[in-house]
Amino acid sequence: MKNYIKELTPEKKLFLSLNLYYAAKELKTESLKKFHPELTATEIKEKVKKIFLYARS
């Protein structure tokens, strides 16, 4: 796996990382909708924004 990643161009690495980021945001959005159906779309959007703003790895 490491060799595969090393062989990628910087553009491809950026493309893959952005896809992962947006997929994670979409999953978090759907999760919040499922577990907090009382929230409005705007509230969910703000919660997701805060979650990703303060996320740590």
C-alpha atoms as a PDB file:
ATOM      1  CA  MET A   1       0.000   0.000   0.000  1.00  0.00           C
ATOM      2  CA  LYS A   2       2.785   2.439   0.834  1.00  0.00           C
ATOM      3  CA  ASN A   3       4.328   1.984  -2.600  1.00  0.00           C
ATOM      4  CA  TYR A   4       1.009   2.768  -4.239  1.00  0.00           C
ATOM      5  CA  ILE A   5       0.678   6.047  -2.386  1.00  0.00           C
ATOM      6  CA  LYS A   6       4.273   7.061  -3.076  1.00  0.00           C
ATOM      7  CA  GLU A   7       3.729   6.523  -6.789  1.00  0.00           C
ATOM      8  CA  LEU A   8       0.721   8.850  -6.977  1.00  0.00           C
ATOM      9  CA  THR A   9       1.124  12.311  -8.391  1.00  0.00           C
ATOM     10  CA  PRO A  10       0.513  15.224  -6.027  1.00  0.00           C
ATOM     11  CA  GLU A  11      -2.646  16.053  -7.993  1.00  0.00           C
ATOM     12  CA  LYS A  12      -4.010  12.534  -7.536  1.00  0.00           C
ATOM     13  CA  LYS A  13      -3.184  12.601  -3.811  1.00  0.00           C
ATOM     14  CA  LEU A  14      -5.064  15.885  -3.459  1.00  0.00           C
ATOM     15  CA  PHE A  15      -8.019  14.529  -5.442  1.00  0.00           C
ATOM     16  CA  LEU A  16      -8.230  11.403  -3.269  1.00  0.00           C
ATOM     17  CA  SER A  17      -7.900  13.321  -0.007  1.00  0.00           C
ATOM     18  CA  LEU A  18     -10.641  15.765  -1.024  1.00  0.00           C
ATOM     19  CA  ASN A  19     -12.911  12.874  -1.979  1.00  0.00           C
ATOM     20  CA  LEU A  20     -12.318  11.314   1.432  1.00  0.00           C
ATOM     21  CA  TYR A  21     -12.994  14.625   3.188  1.00  0.00           C
ATOM     22  CA  TYR A  22     -16.290  15.241   1.388  1.00  0.00           C
ATOM     23  CA  ALA A  23     -17.390  11.629   1.842  1.00  0.00           C
ATOM     24  CA  ALA A  24     -16.740  11.937   5.589  1.00  0.00           C
ATOM     25  CA  LYS A  25     -18.770  15.166   5.747  1.00  0.00           C
ATOM     26  CA  GLU A  26     -21.633  13.516   3.885  1.00  0.00           C
ATOM     27  CA  LEU A  27     -21.586  10.520   6.232  1.00  0.00           C
ATOM     28  CA  LYS A  28     -21.574  12.780   9.282  1.00  0.00           C
ATOM     29  CA  THR A  29     -24.471  14.791   7.862  1.00  0.00           C
ATOM     30  CA  GLU A  30     -26.538  11.665   7.261  1.00  0.00           C
ATOM     31  CA  SER A  31     -25.672  10.342  10.709  1.00  0.00           C
ATOM     32  CA  LEU A  32     -26.858  13.545  12.368  1.00  0.00           C
ATOM     33  CA  LYS A  33     -30.077  13.436  10.352  1.00  0.00           C
ATOM     34  CA  LYS A  34     -30.709   9.880  11.500  1.00  0.00           C
ATOM     35  CA  PHE A  35     -29.932  10.363  15.187  1.00  0.00           C
ATOM     36  CA  HIS A  36     -31.322  13.918  15.505  1.00  0.00           C
ATOM     37  CA  PRO A  37     -34.395  14.165  13.275  1.00  0.00           C
ATOM     38  CA  GLU A  38     -35.560  17.222  15.223  1.00  0.00           C
ATOM     39  CA  LEU A  39     -32.722  19.352  13.808  1.00  0.00           C
ATOM     40  CA  THR A  40     -33.310  21.576  10.807  1.00  0.00           C
ATOM     41  CA  ALA A  41     -31.098  21.416   7.717  1.00  0.00           C
ATOM     42  CA  THR A  42     -29.393  24.638   8.786  1.00  0.00           C
ATOM     43  CA  GLU A  43     -28.681  23.307  12.282  1.00  0.00           C
ATOM     44  CA  ILE A  44     -27.230  20.114  10.846  1.00  0.00           C
ATOM     45  CA  LYS A  45     -25.049  22.081   8.445  1.00  0.00           C
ATOM     46  CA  GLU A  46     -23.726  24.213  11.325  1.00  0.00           C
ATOM     47  CA  LYS A  47     -23.056  21.157  13.520  1.00  0.00           C
ATOM     48  CA  VAL A  48     -21.128  19.435  10.720  1.00  0.00           C
ATOM     49  CA  LYS A  49     -19.158  22.627  10.122  1.00  0.00           C
ATOM     50  CA  LYS A  50     -18.172  22.822  13.806  1.00  0.00           C
ATOM     51  CA  ILE A  51     -17.365  19.113  14.003  1.00  0.00           C
ATOM     52  CA  PHE A  52     -14.953  19.347  11.084  1.00  0.00           C
ATOM     53  CA  LEU A  53     -13.537  22.678  12.171  1.00  0.00           C
ATOM     54  CA  TYR A  54     -12.482  21.296  15.560  1.00  0.00           C
ATOM     55  CA  ALA A  55     -11.670  17.732  14.469  1.00  0.00           C
ATOM     56  CA  ARG A  56      -8.326  16.278  15.477  1.00  0.00           C
ATOM     57  CA  SER A  57      -6.533  13.199  14.306  1.00  0.00           C
END
